[in-house]
Amino acid sequence: MPQQTFSISDLASDFDVSTRTIRFYEEKGLINPERRGQTRIYSAADRIKLKLIIRGKRMGLSLEDSKDIIEMYQPEHDNSPQLIKLINKIRERQVLLKEQLRDVEAMLAELDDAEERCVQALAEMQNTQSKTG
């Protein structure tokens, strides 16, 4: 049974990314398609790597982190080190996002207070003007 292959256009369409993005990942050594002349031929393994890269990007992992984690995968061996590294990266990202969330919540509270003070000041000004006008 022949191995399934994909063109760069297939992958770009499947993952809703540009062909330029895929070529960038190739330049960074994240995926390595076979070449037939100028044509890139992507394997099922390349497709899986691209899916993992995009998932890692959505989770906020750097391309270097994604590359390290993907390269740790060894189908015939214990992949505990790979999973532990991914768990640690996920936890680091969670801590960062929780800090950012606290910062955003504090900023929203400050904006709410400032807005309320402005609304009160405007109401007082309008009340004063209506009494004197």
C-alpha atoms as a PDB file:
ATOM      1  CA  MET A   1       0.000   0.000   0.000  1.00  0.00           C
ATOM      2  CA  PRO A   2       1.583   3.346  -1.026  1.00  0.00           C
ATOM      3  CA  GLN A   3       2.254   5.918   1.665  1.00  0.00           C
ATOM      4  CA  GLN A   4      -0.110   8.885   1.597  1.00  0.00           C
ATOM      5  CA  THR A   5       1.547  12.128   0.550  1.00  0.00           C
ATOM      6  CA  PHE A   6       0.451  15.739   0.523  1.00  0.00           C
ATOM      7  CA  SER A   7       1.310  18.850  -1.444  1.00  0.00           C
ATOM      8  CA  ILE A   8       2.076  22.136   0.245  1.00  0.00           C
ATOM      9  CA  SER A   9      -1.304  23.410  -0.984  1.00  0.00           C
ATOM     10  CA  ASP A  10      -3.070  20.419   0.601  1.00  0.00           C
ATOM     11  CA  LEU A  11      -1.493  21.135   3.975  1.00  0.00           C
ATOM     12  CA  ALA A  12      -2.062  24.876   3.743  1.00  0.00           C
ATOM     13  CA  SER A  13      -5.736  24.244   3.039  1.00  0.00           C
ATOM     14  CA  ASP A  14      -6.101  21.513   5.692  1.00  0.00           C
ATOM     15  CA  PHE A  15      -4.614  23.668   8.459  1.00  0.00           C
ATOM     16  CA  ASP A  16      -5.739  27.091   7.218  1.00  0.00           C
ATOM     17  CA  VAL A  17      -2.198  28.459   7.033  1.00  0.00           C
ATOM     18  CA  SER A  18      -0.305  29.999   4.152  1.00  0.00           C
ATOM     19  CA  THR A  19       2.185  28.090   2.049  1.00  0.00           C
ATOM     20  CA  ARG A  20       4.677  30.724   3.186  1.00  0.00           C
ATOM     21  CA  THR A  21       4.112  29.634   6.801  1.00  0.00           C
ATOM     22  CA  ILE A  22       4.796  26.015   5.889  1.00  0.00           C
ATOM     23  CA  ARG A  23       7.972  26.993   4.022  1.00  0.00           C
ATOM     24  CA  PHE A  24       9.038  29.002   7.095  1.00  0.00           C
ATOM     25  CA  TYR A  25       8.630  25.914   9.298  1.00  0.00           C
ATOM     26  CA  GLU A  26      10.665  23.997   6.753  1.00  0.00           C
ATOM     27  CA  GLU A  27      13.427  26.648   6.847  1.00  0.00           C
ATOM     28  CA  LYS A  28      13.486  26.315  10.656  1.00  0.00           C
ATOM     29  CA  GLY A  29      13.983  22.554  10.313  1.00  0.00           C
ATOM     30  CA  LEU A  30      10.634  21.659  11.848  1.00  0.00           C
ATOM     31  CA  ILE A  31       9.471  19.667   8.828  1.00  0.00           C
ATOM     32  CA  ASN A  32      11.532  18.139   6.041  1.00  0.00           C
ATOM     33  CA  PRO A  33       9.528  17.207   2.951  1.00  0.00           C
ATOM     34  CA  GLU A  34      10.881  15.093   0.156  1.00  0.00           C
ATOM     35  CA  ARG A  35      11.762  17.041  -2.973  1.00  0.00           C
ATOM     36  CA  ARG A  36      10.989  16.079  -6.544  1.00  0.00           C
ATOM     37  CA  GLY A  37      12.543  18.886  -8.534  1.00  0.00           C
ATOM     38  CA  GLN A  38      10.930  22.073  -7.222  1.00  0.00           C
ATOM     39  CA  THR A  39       7.941  20.184  -5.790  1.00  0.00           C
ATOM     40  CA  ARG A  40       7.689  19.457  -2.085  1.00  0.00           C
ATOM     41  CA  ILE A  41       6.157  16.103  -1.176  1.00  0.00           C
ATOM     42  CA  TYR A  42       4.963  15.896   2.422  1.00  0.00           C
ATOM     43  CA  SER A  43       4.527  12.570   4.212  1.00  0.00           C
ATOM     44  CA  ALA A  44       1.914  11.637   6.783  1.00  0.00           C
ATOM     45  CA  ALA A  45       4.631  12.193   9.423  1.00  0.00           C
ATOM     46  CA  ASP A  46       5.225  15.733   8.088  1.00  0.00           C
ATOM     47  CA  ARG A  47       1.487  16.362   8.312  1.00  0.00           C
ATOM     48  CA  ILE A  48       1.419  15.211  11.938  1.00  0.00           C
ATOM     49  CA  LYS A  49       4.427  17.413  12.759  1.00  0.00           C
ATOM     50  CA  LEU A  50       2.705  20.404  11.160  1.00  0.00           C
ATOM     51  CA  LYS A  51      -0.426  19.690  13.201  1.00  0.00           C
ATOM     52  CA  LEU A  52       1.680  19.552  16.394  1.00  0.00           C
ATOM     53  CA  ILE A  53       3.530  22.778  15.492  1.00  0.00           C
ATOM     54  CA  ILE A  54       0.249  24.610  14.943  1.00  0.00           C
ATOM     55  CA  ARG A  55      -1.217  23.191  18.164  1.00  0.00           C
ATOM     56  CA  GLY A  56       1.928  24.235  20.053  1.00  0.00           C
ATOM     57  CA  LYS A  57       1.692  27.714  18.582  1.00  0.00           C
ATOM     58  CA  ARG A  58      -1.943  28.011  19.722  1.00  0.00           C
ATOM     59  CA  MET A  59      -0.818  26.968  23.217  1.00  0.00           C
ATOM     60  CA  GLY A  60       1.843  29.685  23.146  1.00  0.00           C
ATOM     61  CA  LEU A  61       4.885  27.448  22.753  1.00  0.00           C
ATOM     62  CA  SER A  62       7.846  28.839  20.884  1.00  0.00           C
ATOM     63  CA  LEU A  63       8.840  27.136  17.646  1.00  0.00           C
ATOM     64  CA  GLU A  64      12.042  26.025  19.358  1.00  0.00           C
ATOM     65  CA  ASP A  65      10.054  24.397  22.176  1.00  0.00           C
ATOM     66  CA  SER A  66       7.808  22.655  19.661  1.00  0.00           C
ATOM     67  CA  LYS A  67      10.810  21.455  17.687  1.00  0.00           C
ATOM     68  CA  ASP A  68      12.509  20.094  20.818  1.00  0.00           C
ATOM     69  CA  ILE A  69       9.385  18.254  21.921  1.00  0.00           C
ATOM     70  CA  ILE A  70       8.666  16.818  18.458  1.00  0.00           C
ATOM     71  CA  GLU A  71      12.262  15.660  18.049  1.00  0.00           C
ATOM     72  CA  MET A  72      12.074  13.796  21.370  1.00  0.00           C
ATOM     73  CA  TYR A  73       9.408  11.464  19.974  1.00  0.00           C
ATOM     74  CA  GLN A  74      10.666   7.916  19.449  1.00  0.00           C
ATOM     75  CA  PRO A  75       7.870   5.508  18.534  1.00  0.00           C
ATOM     76  CA  GLU A  76       9.811   2.436  19.653  1.00  0.00           C
ATOM     77  CA  HIS A  77      10.869   3.827  23.050  1.00  0.00           C
ATOM     78  CA  ASP A  78       9.529   5.251  26.274  1.00  0.00           C
ATOM     79  CA  ASN A  79       8.292   8.752  25.553  1.00  0.00           C
ATOM     80  CA  SER A  80       8.033   9.790  29.191  1.00  0.00           C
ATOM     81  CA  PRO A  81      10.758  12.469  28.827  1.00  0.00           C
ATOM     82  CA  GLN A  82       8.842  14.020  25.914  1.00  0.00           C
ATOM     83  CA  LEU A  83       5.591  14.046  27.858  1.00  0.00           C
ATOM     84  CA  ILE A  84       7.255  15.439  30.990  1.00  0.00           C
ATOM     85  CA  LYS A  85       8.817  18.253  28.964  1.00  0.00           C
ATOM     86  CA  LEU A  86       5.443  19.050  27.374  1.00  0.00           C
ATOM     87  CA  ILE A  87       3.710  19.031  30.765  1.00  0.00           C
ATOM     88  CA  ASN A  88       6.348  21.431  32.131  1.00  0.00           C
ATOM     89  CA  LYS A  89       5.914  23.770  29.139  1.00  0.00           C
ATOM     90  CA  ILE A  90       2.137  23.667  29.579  1.00  0.00           C
ATOM     91  CA  ARG A  91       2.483  24.502  33.278  1.00  0.00           C
ATOM     92  CA  GLU A  92       4.877  27.380  32.540  1.00  0.00           C
ATOM     93  CA  ARG A  93       2.383  28.753  30.031  1.00  0.00           C
ATOM     94  CA  GLN A  94      -0.484  28.391  32.519  1.00  0.00           C
ATOM     95  CA  VAL A  95       1.434  30.363  35.162  1.00  0.00           C
ATOM     96  CA  LEU A  96       2.193  33.134  32.660  1.00  0.00           C
ATOM     97  CA  LEU A  97      -1.403  33.320  31.421  1.00  0.00           C
ATOM     98  CA  LYS A  98      -2.766  33.410  34.981  1.00  0.00           C
ATOM     99  CA  GLU A  99      -0.420  36.313  35.770  1.00  0.00           C
ATOM    100  CA  GLN A 100      -1.565  38.111  32.634  1.00  0.00           C
ATOM    101  CA  LEU A 101      -5.195  37.444  33.554  1.00  0.00           C
ATOM    102  CA  ARG A 102      -4.660  38.998  37.001  1.00  0.00           C
ATOM    103  CA  ASP A 103      -3.032  42.014  35.338  1.00  0.00           C
ATOM    104  CA  VAL A 104      -5.961  42.396  32.929  1.00  0.00           C
ATOM    105  CA  GLU A 105      -8.492  42.057  35.763  1.00  0.00           C
ATOM    106  CA  ALA A 106      -6.657  44.734  37.787  1.00  0.00           C
ATOM    107  CA  MET A 107      -6.546  47.027  34.761  1.00  0.00           C
ATOM    108  CA  LEU A 108     -10.270  46.512  34.120  1.00  0.00           C
ATOM    109  CA  ALA A 109     -11.023  47.391  37.756  1.00  0.00           C
ATOM    110  CA  GLU A 110      -8.942  50.574  37.441  1.00  0.00           C
ATOM    111  CA  LEU A 111     -10.752  51.489  34.227  1.00  0.00           C
ATOM    112  CA  ASP A 112     -14.135  50.863  35.871  1.00  0.00           C
ATOM    113  CA  ASP A 113     -13.154  53.151  38.770  1.00  0.00           C
ATOM    114  CA  ALA A 114     -11.872  55.869  36.432  1.00  0.00           C
ATOM    115  CA  GLU A 115     -15.027  55.667  34.324  1.00  0.00           C
ATOM    116  CA  GLU A 116     -17.232  55.928  37.411  1.00  0.00           C
ATOM    117  CA  ARG A 117     -15.309  58.995  38.649  1.00  0.00           C
ATOM    118  CA  CYS A 118     -15.659  60.627  35.222  1.00  0.00           C
ATOM    119  CA  VAL A 119     -19.388  59.894  35.057  1.00  0.00           C
ATOM    120  CA  GLN A 120     -19.861  61.345  38.565  1.00  0.00           C
ATOM    121  CA  ALA A 121     -17.804  64.445  37.719  1.00  0.00           C
ATOM    122  CA  LEU A 122     -19.787  64.979  34.527  1.00  0.00           C
ATOM    123  CA  ALA A 123     -23.083  64.571  36.387  1.00  0.00           C
ATOM    124  CA  GLU A 124     -21.952  67.085  39.023  1.00  0.00           C
ATOM    125  CA  MET A 125     -20.900  69.559  36.331  1.00  0.00           C
ATOM    126  CA  GLN A 126     -24.231  69.214  34.539  1.00  0.00           C
ATOM    127  CA  ASN A 127     -26.131  69.554  37.829  1.00  0.00           C
ATOM    128  CA  THR A 128     -24.177  72.696  38.726  1.00  0.00           C
ATOM    129  CA  GLN A 129     -24.729  74.203  35.247  1.00  0.00           C
ATOM    130  CA  SER A 130     -28.474  73.514  35.350  1.00  0.00           C
ATOM    131  CA  LYS A 131     -28.754  75.313  38.724  1.00  0.00           C
ATOM    132  CA  THR A 132     -26.777  78.346  37.533  1.00  0.00           C
ATOM    133  CA  GLY A 133     -28.029  78.383  33.951  1.00  0.00           C
END
